[in-house]
């Protein structure tokens, strides 16, 4: 009685493409003489390389699109932060203008300057009025 070999004993050895049997394959099919021809090997290699290059191009395109999306998101965040900073600055300027409009000392200083009083004298007179309104009998230089 002869030996029966399991088909699993000689599994095919494949090329990198995962389809074509290698030249040193010892599977039952290749032992029976059904090896791929050189033309079939070349065609399979070219198909495999084309698939690989398409997949690489698709991955590169995906990475490029993701980088562009991240750049757009970063730009949107940066613009939003800049807009918030500008709004805060405008609010501070509006508050300062509001305080300046309601500050009697500044209005008095402007009236004195328009009347031609020198700056030092105008500032001294505004300060003396401010100290008098506070009820202090001390001068700033005391």
C-alpha atoms as a PDB file:
ATOM      1  CA  UNK A   1       0.000   0.000   0.000  1.00  0.00           C
ATOM      2  CA  UNK A   2       1.314   3.421  -0.972  1.00  0.00           C
ATOM      3  CA  UNK A   3       1.731   6.431   1.196  1.00  0.00           C
ATOM      4  CA  UNK A   4      -1.029   9.023   1.012  1.00  0.00           C
ATOM      5  CA  UNK A   5       0.171  12.552   1.422  1.00  0.00           C
ATOM      6  CA  UNK A   6      -2.109  15.118   2.839  1.00  0.00           C
ATOM      7  CA  UNK A   7      -2.842  18.072   0.610  1.00  0.00           C
ATOM      8  CA  UNK A   8      -1.906  20.272   3.560  1.00  0.00           C
ATOM      9  CA  UNK A   9       1.619  18.852   3.562  1.00  0.00           C
ATOM     10  CA  UNK A  10       2.494  20.831   0.457  1.00  0.00           C
ATOM     11  CA  UNK A  11       0.718  24.172   0.717  1.00  0.00           C
ATOM     12  CA  UNK A  12       1.498  26.537  -2.122  1.00  0.00           C
ATOM     13  CA  UNK A  13       4.224  29.117  -1.663  1.00  0.00           C
ATOM     14  CA  UNK A  14       3.081  32.404  -3.126  1.00  0.00           C
ATOM     15  CA  UNK A  15       4.799  35.508  -4.434  1.00  0.00           C
ATOM     16  CA  UNK A  16       4.327  38.897  -2.729  1.00  0.00           C
ATOM     17  CA  UNK A  17       1.109  39.466  -4.680  1.00  0.00           C
ATOM     18  CA  UNK A  18      -0.500  36.574  -2.795  1.00  0.00           C
ATOM     19  CA  UNK A  19      -1.809  34.934  -5.983  1.00  0.00           C
ATOM     20  CA  UNK A  20       1.064  33.663  -8.117  1.00  0.00           C
ATOM     21  CA  UNK A  21       2.884  30.514  -7.054  1.00  0.00           C
ATOM     22  CA  UNK A  22       6.636  30.977  -6.552  1.00  0.00           C
ATOM     23  CA  UNK A  23       9.195  29.228  -8.714  1.00  0.00           C
ATOM     24  CA  UNK A  24      10.217  26.938  -5.836  1.00  0.00           C
ATOM     25  CA  UNK A  25       6.606  26.021  -4.972  1.00  0.00           C
ATOM     26  CA  UNK A  26       6.146  22.295  -4.376  1.00  0.00           C
ATOM     27  CA  UNK A  27       2.371  22.163  -4.092  1.00  0.00           C
ATOM     28  CA  UNK A  28       0.372  19.436  -5.829  1.00  0.00           C
ATOM     29  CA  UNK A  29      -0.703  21.782  -8.601  1.00  0.00           C
ATOM     30  CA  UNK A  30       2.831  22.906  -9.411  1.00  0.00           C
ATOM     31  CA  UNK A  31       4.150  19.308  -9.170  1.00  0.00           C
ATOM     32  CA  UNK A  32       1.541  18.355 -11.752  1.00  0.00           C
ATOM     33  CA  UNK A  33       3.079  20.930 -14.127  1.00  0.00           C
ATOM     34  CA  UNK A  34       0.574  23.736 -13.801  1.00  0.00           C
ATOM     35  CA  UNK A  35       3.105  26.413 -12.863  1.00  0.00           C
ATOM     36  CA  UNK A  36       2.513  30.024 -13.914  1.00  0.00           C
ATOM     37  CA  UNK A  37       4.285  31.078 -17.077  1.00  0.00           C
ATOM     38  CA  UNK A  38       6.717  33.995 -17.105  1.00  0.00           C
ATOM     39  CA  UNK A  39       4.112  36.085 -18.909  1.00  0.00           C
ATOM     40  CA  UNK A  40       1.536  35.315 -16.187  1.00  0.00           C
ATOM     41  CA  UNK A  41       4.112  36.138 -13.496  1.00  0.00           C
ATOM     42  CA  UNK A  42       4.906  39.485 -15.155  1.00  0.00           C
ATOM     43  CA  UNK A  43       1.221  40.349 -15.580  1.00  0.00           C
ATOM     44  CA  UNK A  44       0.477  39.421 -11.956  1.00  0.00           C
ATOM     45  CA  UNK A  45       3.463  41.494 -10.718  1.00  0.00           C
ATOM     46  CA  UNK A  46       2.333  44.506 -12.773  1.00  0.00           C
ATOM     47  CA  UNK A  47      -1.246  44.167 -11.462  1.00  0.00           C
ATOM     48  CA  UNK A  48       0.059  43.904  -7.903  1.00  0.00           C
ATOM     49  CA  UNK A  49       2.311  46.968  -8.331  1.00  0.00           C
ATOM     50  CA  UNK A  50      -0.569  48.945  -9.860  1.00  0.00           C
ATOM     51  CA  UNK A  51      -2.831  48.044  -6.938  1.00  0.00           C
ATOM     52  CA  UNK A  52      -0.090  48.956  -4.470  1.00  0.00           C
ATOM     53  CA  UNK A  53       0.526  52.314  -6.159  1.00  0.00           C
ATOM     54  CA  UNK A  54      -3.225  53.090  -6.246  1.00  0.00           C
ATOM     55  CA  UNK A  55      -3.512  52.269  -2.549  1.00  0.00           C
ATOM     56  CA  UNK A  56      -0.461  54.416  -1.754  1.00  0.00           C
ATOM     57  CA  UNK A  57      -1.910  57.294  -3.792  1.00  0.00           C
ATOM     58  CA  UNK A  58      -5.244  56.911  -1.986  1.00  0.00           C
ATOM     59  CA  UNK A  59      -3.482  56.973   1.405  1.00  0.00           C
ATOM     60  CA  UNK A  60      -1.475  60.049   0.364  1.00  0.00           C
ATOM     61  CA  UNK A  61      -4.652  61.786  -0.816  1.00  0.00           C
ATOM     62  CA  UNK A  62      -6.384  60.938   2.469  1.00  0.00           C
ATOM     63  CA  UNK A  63      -3.434  62.313   4.460  1.00  0.00           C
ATOM     64  CA  UNK A  64      -3.355  65.467   2.328  1.00  0.00           C
ATOM     65  CA  UNK A  65      -7.101  66.018   2.779  1.00  0.00           C
ATOM     66  CA  UNK A  66      -6.801  65.426   6.530  1.00  0.00           C
ATOM     67  CA  UNK A  67      -3.929  67.930   6.789  1.00  0.00           C
ATOM     68  CA  UNK A  68      -5.983  70.472   4.835  1.00  0.00           C
ATOM     69  CA  UNK A  69      -8.979  69.867   7.126  1.00  0.00           C
ATOM     70  CA  UNK A  70      -6.789  70.320  10.209  1.00  0.00           C
ATOM     71  CA  UNK A  71      -5.324  73.536   8.767  1.00  0.00           C
ATOM     72  CA  UNK A  72      -8.820  74.880   8.088  1.00  0.00           C
ATOM     73  CA  UNK A  73      -9.925  73.992  11.619  1.00  0.00           C
ATOM     74  CA  UNK A  74      -6.805  75.608  13.115  1.00  0.00           C
ATOM     75  CA  UNK A  75      -7.367  78.738  11.041  1.00  0.00           C
ATOM     76  CA  UNK A  76     -11.001  78.892  12.138  1.00  0.00           C
ATOM     77  CA  UNK A  77      -9.946  78.580  15.793  1.00  0.00           C
ATOM     78  CA  UNK A  78      -7.282  81.239  15.348  1.00  0.00           C
ATOM     79  CA  UNK A  79      -9.727  83.618  13.668  1.00  0.00           C
ATOM     80  CA  UNK A  80     -12.272  82.982  16.396  1.00  0.00           C
ATOM     81  CA  UNK A  81      -9.676  83.756  19.089  1.00  0.00           C
ATOM     82  CA  UNK A  82      -8.617  86.915  17.243  1.00  0.00           C
ATOM     83  CA  UNK A  83     -12.246  88.027  16.920  1.00  0.00           C
ATOM     84  CA  UNK A  84     -12.782  87.435  20.630  1.00  0.00           C
ATOM     85  CA  UNK A  85      -9.637  89.445  21.462  1.00  0.00           C
ATOM     86  CA  UNK A  86     -10.790  92.303  19.221  1.00  0.00           C
ATOM     87  CA  UNK A  87     -14.237  92.267  20.833  1.00  0.00           C
ATOM     88  CA  UNK A  88     -12.660  92.405  24.294  1.00  0.00           C
ATOM     89  CA  UNK A  89     -10.364  95.262  23.233  1.00  0.00           C
ATOM     90  CA  UNK A  90     -13.296  97.198  21.746  1.00  0.00           C
ATOM     91  CA  UNK A  91     -15.284  96.651  24.937  1.00  0.00           C
ATOM     92  CA  UNK A  92     -12.386  97.981  27.004  1.00  0.00           C
ATOM     93  CA  UNK A  93     -12.041 101.018  24.741  1.00  0.00           C
ATOM     94  CA  UNK A  94     -15.783 101.710  24.913  1.00  0.00           C
ATOM     95  CA  UNK A  95     -15.678 101.466  28.708  1.00  0.00           C
ATOM     96  CA  UNK A  96     -12.691 103.832  28.825  1.00  0.00           C
ATOM     97  CA  UNK A  97     -14.485 106.314  26.569  1.00  0.00           C
ATOM     98  CA  UNK A  98     -17.588 106.074  28.754  1.00  0.00           C
ATOM     99  CA  UNK A  99     -15.510 106.753  31.880  1.00  0.00           C
ATOM    100  CA  UNK A 100     -13.777 109.684  30.161  1.00  0.00           C
ATOM    101  CA  UNK A 101     -17.107 111.196  29.090  1.00  0.00           C
ATOM    102  CA  UNK A 102     -18.413 111.101  32.658  1.00  0.00           C
ATOM    103  CA  UNK A 103     -15.197 112.274  34.334  1.00  0.00           C
ATOM    104  CA  UNK A 104     -15.653 115.835  35.554  1.00  0.00           C
ATOM    105  CA  UNK A 105     -11.931 116.341  36.133  1.00  0.00           C
ATOM    106  CA  UNK A 106     -11.144 115.608  32.481  1.00  0.00           C
ATOM    107  CA  UNK A 107     -13.893 117.979  31.319  1.00  0.00           C
ATOM    108  CA  UNK A 108     -12.500 120.689  33.594  1.00  0.00           C
ATOM    109  CA  UNK A 109      -8.972 120.085  32.267  1.00  0.00           C
ATOM    110  CA  UNK A 110     -10.221 120.352  28.673  1.00  0.00           C
ATOM    111  CA  UNK A 111     -12.057 123.637  29.465  1.00  0.00           C
ATOM    112  CA  UNK A 112      -8.948 125.103  31.097  1.00  0.00           C
ATOM    113  CA  UNK A 113      -6.709 124.070  28.209  1.00  0.00           C
ATOM    114  CA  UNK A 114      -9.140 125.573  25.667  1.00  0.00           C
ATOM    115  CA  UNK A 115      -9.100 128.761  27.709  1.00  0.00           C
ATOM    116  CA  UNK A 116      -5.317 128.890  27.233  1.00  0.00           C
ATOM    117  CA  UNK A 117      -4.191 127.916  30.746  1.00  0.00           C
ATOM    118  CA  UNK A 118      -0.764 126.189  30.666  1.00  0.00           C
ATOM    119  CA  UNK A 119      -0.835 122.437  31.220  1.00  0.00           C
ATOM    120  CA  UNK A 120       0.976 122.478  34.575  1.00  0.00           C
ATOM    121  CA  UNK A 121      -1.337 125.137  35.975  1.00  0.00           C
ATOM    122  CA  UNK A 122      -4.435 123.405  34.592  1.00  0.00           C
ATOM    123  CA  UNK A 123      -3.392 120.080  36.152  1.00  0.00           C
ATOM    124  CA  UNK A 124      -2.678 121.774  39.493  1.00  0.00           C
ATOM    125  CA  UNK A 125      -6.051 123.476  39.566  1.00  0.00           C
ATOM    126  CA  UNK A 126      -7.886 120.234  38.602  1.00  0.00           C
ATOM    127  CA  UNK A 127      -6.037 118.357  41.363  1.00  0.00           C
ATOM    128  CA  UNK A 128      -6.823 121.027  43.960  1.00  0.00           C
ATOM    129  CA  UNK A 129     -10.514 120.895  43.047  1.00  0.00           C
ATOM    130  CA  UNK A 130     -10.474 117.099  43.196  1.00  0.00           C
ATOM    131  CA  UNK A 131      -8.854 117.146  46.656  1.00  0.00           C
ATOM    132  CA  UNK A 132     -11.329 119.754  47.848  1.00  0.00           C
ATOM    133  CA  UNK A 133     -14.271 117.666  46.616  1.00  0.00           C
ATOM    134  CA  UNK A 134     -12.986 114.688  48.569  1.00  0.00           C
ATOM    135  CA  UNK A 135     -13.080 116.752  51.731  1.00  0.00           C
ATOM    136  CA  UNK A 136      -9.360 116.475  52.370  1.00  0.00           C
ATOM    137  CA  UNK A 137      -7.471 119.368  53.840  1.00  0.00           C
ATOM    138  CA  UNK A 138      -4.149 117.909  52.715  1.00  0.00           C
ATOM    139  CA  UNK A 139      -2.653 118.728  49.393  1.00  0.00           C
ATOM    140  CA  UNK A 140      -0.921 116.016  47.307  1.00  0.00           C
ATOM    141  CA  UNK A 141       2.469 117.554  48.042  1.00  0.00           C
ATOM    142  CA  UNK A 142       1.870 117.573  51.829  1.00  0.00           C
END
